[in-house]
């Protein structure tokens, strides 16, 4: 079943691509700032966190603004994409009646659209990181790898939540709160070393932790992540996608009746 559903999604790859680009263009229709919105949001959040934790509480992290950016960009992509993917089936179900598409196309196109938006801002931010540390260019292949693995992880989780949200609408209503809690438990504006030893297991169980760590290794330090980090991000990505596809396969008949 898994292999067949992957083939089905792949056979509709161009439709998926067109849907994603259409959603991306819709974000910037009548927008004065245009693609710079993809950069402004993370920088505004970085400024707020920098004011509170860098200036007021004086967190002693070297190059704190860059440290913040390296975590904020991936987190904003993940949270925004996951939130929209969760509501994708409910909000875009009419598309399924107009076109012969697999249901998975809805959350996948939504996530892909946010991924494109993420890349726009990330490319500009990467030039900033490159200016301060030119040697990070050597880790560009690793950066591309983690970007793809990050997309896979978010896509799989988005597929799962989009299905659950059809049957249990409370999931969508609670997601905003859950993402806020998840943000505070993810080392976006602090390092794992700052967490008391007895509570570090919470960070290690957090699937976003190895992704944030991976980004920082390649764009802040310019060094390859450890094998453990590689295995962690790869395992989470693979597990997420497989569970996402299997969830659709197991619940498709019931899902079609509900939409």
Protein backbone atom coordinates (compact mmCIF):
# COMPACT_ATOMS: atom_id res chain seq x y z
CA UNK A 1 0.00 0.00 0.00
CA UNK A 2 2.81 2.39 0.89
CA UNK A 3 4.57 1.92 -2.43
CA UNK A 4 1.37 2.38 -4.43
CA UNK A 5 0.42 5.59 -2.65
CA UNK A 6 3.90 7.02 -3.19
CA UNK A 7 3.57 6.23 -6.89
CA UNK A 8 0.17 7.89 -6.96
CA UNK A 9 1.52 11.06 -5.37
CA UNK A 10 4.50 11.08 -7.71
CA UNK A 11 2.26 10.72 -10.77
CA UNK A 12 0.54 13.97 -9.74
CA UNK A 13 3.78 15.82 -8.99
CA UNK A 14 3.19 18.55 -11.59
CA UNK A 15 -0.30 19.26 -10.30
CA UNK A 16 1.16 19.41 -6.82
CA UNK A 17 3.81 21.81 -8.05
CA UNK A 18 1.24 24.09 -9.73
CA UNK A 19 -1.00 24.11 -6.64
CA UNK A 20 1.95 25.07 -4.44
CA UNK A 21 3.05 27.91 -6.71
CA UNK A 22 -0.52 29.19 -6.94
CA UNK A 23 -0.78 29.29 -3.15
CA UNK A 24 2.59 31.04 -2.94
CA UNK A 25 1.56 33.69 -5.47
CA UNK A 26 -1.70 34.23 -3.58
CA UNK A 27 0.31 35.21 -0.51
CA UNK A 28 1.84 38.14 -2.34
CA UNK A 29 -1.13 39.39 -4.37
CA UNK A 30 -1.55 43.14 -3.78
CA UNK A 31 1.36 43.00 -1.33
CA UNK A 32 3.57 46.09 -1.27
CA UNK A 33 6.49 44.36 0.42
CA UNK A 34 6.22 41.24 -1.73
CA UNK A 35 8.80 38.54 -1.14
CA UNK A 36 10.47 40.63 1.55
CA UNK A 37 7.65 39.53 3.85
CA UNK A 38 9.43 36.16 4.02
CA UNK A 39 12.38 37.97 5.59
CA UNK A 40 10.68 40.65 7.66
CA UNK A 41 8.72 38.27 9.92
CA UNK A 42 11.72 36.30 11.23
CA UNK A 43 13.74 39.51 11.69
CA UNK A 44 10.96 41.15 13.70
CA UNK A 45 10.68 38.10 15.98
CA UNK A 46 14.46 37.98 16.26
CA UNK A 47 14.48 41.65 17.31
CA UNK A 48 11.84 41.07 20.00
CA UNK A 49 13.64 38.03 21.44
CA UNK A 50 16.97 39.85 21.23
CA UNK A 51 15.54 42.76 23.22
CA UNK A 52 14.08 40.54 25.94
CA UNK A 53 16.67 37.81 26.30
CA UNK A 54 19.76 39.45 24.85
CA UNK A 55 19.53 42.93 26.34
CA UNK A 56 17.22 42.63 29.36
CA UNK A 57 18.10 39.14 30.60
CA UNK A 58 21.57 39.22 28.99
CA UNK A 59 21.83 35.65 27.73
CA UNK A 60 25.51 35.01 27.18
CA UNK A 61 25.48 33.38 23.76
CA UNK A 62 28.10 34.34 21.22
CA UNK A 63 26.73 36.07 18.11
CA UNK A 64 23.26 35.92 19.62
CA UNK A 65 21.45 37.61 16.66
CA UNK A 66 22.82 35.02 14.23
CA UNK A 67 22.11 32.28 16.75
CA UNK A 68 18.49 33.42 16.88
CA UNK A 69 18.07 33.67 13.11
CA UNK A 70 19.42 30.15 12.59
CA UNK A 71 16.63 28.79 14.79
CA UNK A 72 13.78 31.19 14.02
CA UNK A 73 13.71 30.63 10.27
CA UNK A 74 13.33 26.82 10.44
CA UNK A 75 10.84 27.09 13.29
CA UNK A 76 8.64 29.63 11.48
CA UNK A 77 8.54 27.41 8.41
CA UNK A 78 7.67 24.37 10.48
CA UNK A 79 4.94 26.00 12.58
CA UNK A 80 3.29 27.95 9.75
CA UNK A 81 3.36 25.01 7.34
CA UNK A 82 2.06 22.57 9.94
CA UNK A 83 -0.78 24.87 10.97
CA UNK A 84 -1.98 25.47 7.42
CA UNK A 85 -1.57 21.82 6.40
CA UNK A 86 -3.76 20.78 9.34
CA UNK A 87 -6.69 22.76 7.90
CA UNK A 88 -5.90 22.04 4.24
CA UNK A 89 -8.43 19.22 3.70
CA UNK A 90 -11.26 21.12 5.37
CA UNK A 91 -10.50 24.42 3.63
CA UNK A 92 -9.71 23.07 0.17
CA UNK A 93 -11.96 20.02 -0.13
CA UNK A 94 -13.74 21.52 -3.15
CA UNK A 95 -10.57 21.01 -5.19
CA UNK A 96 -11.01 17.24 -4.86
CA UNK A 97 -14.44 17.52 -6.51
CA UNK A 98 -13.00 19.54 -9.40
CA UNK A 99 -9.85 17.57 -10.12
CA UNK A 100 -8.79 13.95 -9.92
CA UNK A 101 -6.17 14.28 -7.22
CA UNK A 102 -5.05 12.13 -4.28
CA UNK A 103 -6.23 13.64 -1.01
CA UNK A 104 -2.62 13.86 0.15
CA UNK A 105 -2.10 16.61 -2.45
CA UNK A 106 -3.90 19.12 -0.23
CA UNK A 107 -1.61 19.05 2.83
CA UNK A 108 1.45 18.41 0.66
CA UNK A 109 0.81 21.41 -1.60
CA UNK A 110 0.23 23.58 1.43
CA UNK A 111 3.51 22.49 3.02
CA UNK A 112 5.40 22.86 -0.26
CA UNK A 113 4.05 26.40 -0.68
CA UNK A 114 5.37 27.34 2.76
CA UNK A 115 8.66 25.63 1.93
CA UNK A 116 9.07 27.83 -1.15
CA UNK A 117 8.31 30.87 0.98
CA UNK A 118 10.84 29.68 3.56
CA UNK A 119 13.52 29.29 0.91
CA UNK A 120 13.01 32.85 -0.34
CA UNK A 121 13.79 34.30 3.07
CA UNK A 122 16.39 31.67 3.89
CA UNK A 123 18.49 32.38 0.80
CA UNK A 124 18.72 36.05 1.75
CA UNK A 125 19.50 35.17 5.37
CA UNK A 126 22.12 32.66 4.22
CA UNK A 127 24.04 35.48 2.51
CA UNK A 128 24.21 37.22 5.88
CA UNK A 129 25.59 34.08 7.54
CA UNK A 130 28.03 33.69 4.65
CA UNK A 131 29.28 37.25 5.13
CA UNK A 132 30.18 36.60 8.77
CA UNK A 133 31.57 33.10 8.19
CA UNK A 134 32.57 32.37 4.55
CA UNK A 135 33.69 28.82 5.33
CA UNK A 136 30.06 27.70 5.77
CA UNK A 137 29.87 27.47 1.97
CA UNK A 138 31.71 24.15 2.33
CA UNK A 139 28.69 22.74 4.19
CA UNK A 140 26.18 23.74 1.50
CA UNK A 141 25.45 20.08 0.54
CA UNK A 142 24.64 19.32 4.19
CA UNK A 143 22.42 22.40 4.37
CA UNK A 144 20.48 21.31 1.28
CA UNK A 145 20.09 17.85 2.82
CA UNK A 146 18.64 19.16 6.09
CA UNK A 147 16.29 21.48 4.20
CA UNK A 148 14.85 18.50 2.33
CA UNK A 149 14.67 16.35 5.47
CA UNK A 150 12.99 19.23 7.33
CA UNK A 151 10.44 19.47 4.53
CA UNK A 152 9.80 15.72 4.67
CA UNK A 153 9.28 15.76 8.43
CA UNK A 154 6.88 18.70 8.26
CA UNK A 155 5.00 17.19 5.30
CA UNK A 156 4.46 13.87 7.03
CA UNK A 157 3.28 15.43 10.27
CA UNK A 158 1.06 17.81 8.30
CA UNK A 159 -0.57 14.87 6.52
CA UNK A 160 -1.29 13.13 9.81
CA UNK A 161 -2.80 16.20 11.47
CA UNK A 162 -4.85 17.11 8.40
CA UNK A 163 -6.57 13.71 8.58
CA UNK A 164 -7.08 13.81 12.34
CA UNK A 165 -8.52 17.31 12.08
CA UNK A 166 -11.27 16.06 9.78
CA UNK A 167 -12.50 13.64 12.43
CA UNK A 168 -11.62 15.66 15.53
CA UNK A 169 -11.96 19.39 14.90
CA UNK A 170 -10.59 20.14 18.37
CA UNK A 171 -7.11 19.30 17.07
CA UNK A 172 -7.14 22.32 14.82
CA UNK A 173 -8.42 24.56 17.60
CA UNK A 174 -5.73 23.36 20.02
CA UNK A 175 -2.88 23.41 17.53
CA UNK A 176 -2.01 27.06 18.08
CA UNK A 177 -1.58 26.44 21.81
CA UNK A 178 0.38 23.25 21.22
CA UNK A 179 2.74 24.99 18.80
CA UNK A 180 3.36 27.75 21.34
CA UNK A 181 4.28 25.15 23.97
CA UNK A 182 6.40 23.31 21.42
CA UNK A 183 8.26 26.54 20.60
CA UNK A 184 9.26 27.09 24.23
CA UNK A 185 10.50 23.50 24.52
CA UNK A 186 12.60 23.83 21.37
CA UNK A 187 16.10 25.37 21.68
CA UNK A 188 15.37 28.26 19.32
CA UNK A 189 16.60 31.11 21.52
CA UNK A 190 18.64 29.07 23.97
CA UNK A 191 21.13 26.22 23.71
CA UNK A 192 20.68 22.74 25.13
CA UNK A 193 23.67 23.38 27.41
CA UNK A 194 21.63 26.02 29.21
CA UNK A 195 18.92 23.50 30.15
CA UNK A 196 19.35 21.85 33.58
CA UNK A 197 20.66 18.31 33.16
CA UNK A 198 17.58 16.68 34.68
CA UNK A 199 15.35 18.32 32.05
CA UNK A 200 17.46 17.84 28.93
CA UNK A 201 15.66 14.62 28.07
CA UNK A 202 12.69 16.79 27.07
CA UNK A 203 14.84 18.50 24.43
CA UNK A 204 16.19 15.20 23.20
CA UNK A 205 12.68 13.79 22.76
CA UNK A 206 11.67 16.88 20.79
CA UNK A 207 11.95 16.03 17.06
CA UNK A 208 12.66 19.66 16.16
CA UNK A 209 15.75 19.77 18.40
CA UNK A 210 18.08 17.84 16.05
CA UNK A 211 16.91 19.93 13.09
CA UNK A 212 17.70 23.22 14.84
CA UNK A 213 21.04 21.78 15.99
CA UNK A 214 21.82 20.63 12.45
CA UNK A 215 21.15 24.09 10.98
CA UNK A 216 23.38 25.74 13.55
CA UNK A 217 26.24 23.34 13.00
CA UNK A 218 26.39 24.02 9.26
CA UNK A 219 25.61 27.76 9.12
CA UNK A 220 27.10 29.02 12.37
CA UNK A 221 30.08 26.75 12.89
CA UNK A 222 30.62 25.65 9.31
CA UNK A 223 31.14 22.04 10.36
CA UNK A 224 29.34 18.80 9.57
CA UNK A 225 26.89 17.55 12.24
CA UNK A 226 27.61 14.37 14.13
CA UNK A 227 26.42 11.00 12.87
CA UNK A 228 23.86 10.97 15.68
CA UNK A 229 22.30 14.23 14.44
CA UNK A 230 22.29 12.93 10.87
CA UNK A 231 20.54 9.75 11.96
CA UNK A 232 18.06 11.68 14.11
CA UNK A 233 16.87 14.09 11.42
CA UNK A 234 16.77 11.30 8.82
CA UNK A 235 14.81 8.97 11.10
CA UNK A 236 12.25 11.62 12.06
CA UNK A 237 11.77 12.59 8.41
CA UNK A 238 11.32 8.99 7.24
CA UNK A 239 9.05 8.05 10.14
CA UNK A 240 6.89 11.12 9.63
CA UNK A 241 6.39 10.56 5.90
CA UNK A 242 5.69 6.84 6.24
CA UNK A 243 3.16 7.37 9.03
CA UNK A 244 1.55 10.20 7.08
CA UNK A 245 1.04 8.09 3.97
CA UNK A 246 -0.11 5.07 5.96
CA UNK A 247 -2.61 7.23 7.83
CA UNK A 248 -4.19 8.32 4.56
CA UNK A 249 -4.21 4.75 3.32
CA UNK A 250 -5.91 3.43 6.44
CA UNK A 251 -8.54 6.18 6.71
CA UNK A 252 -9.14 7.20 3.10
CA UNK A 253 -12.56 5.57 2.74
CA UNK A 254 -13.83 7.12 5.97
CA UNK A 255 -12.17 10.39 5.08
CA UNK A 256 -13.98 10.66 1.75
CA UNK A 257 -17.32 10.21 3.50
CA UNK A 258 -16.55 13.02 5.94
CA UNK A 259 -15.62 15.58 3.28
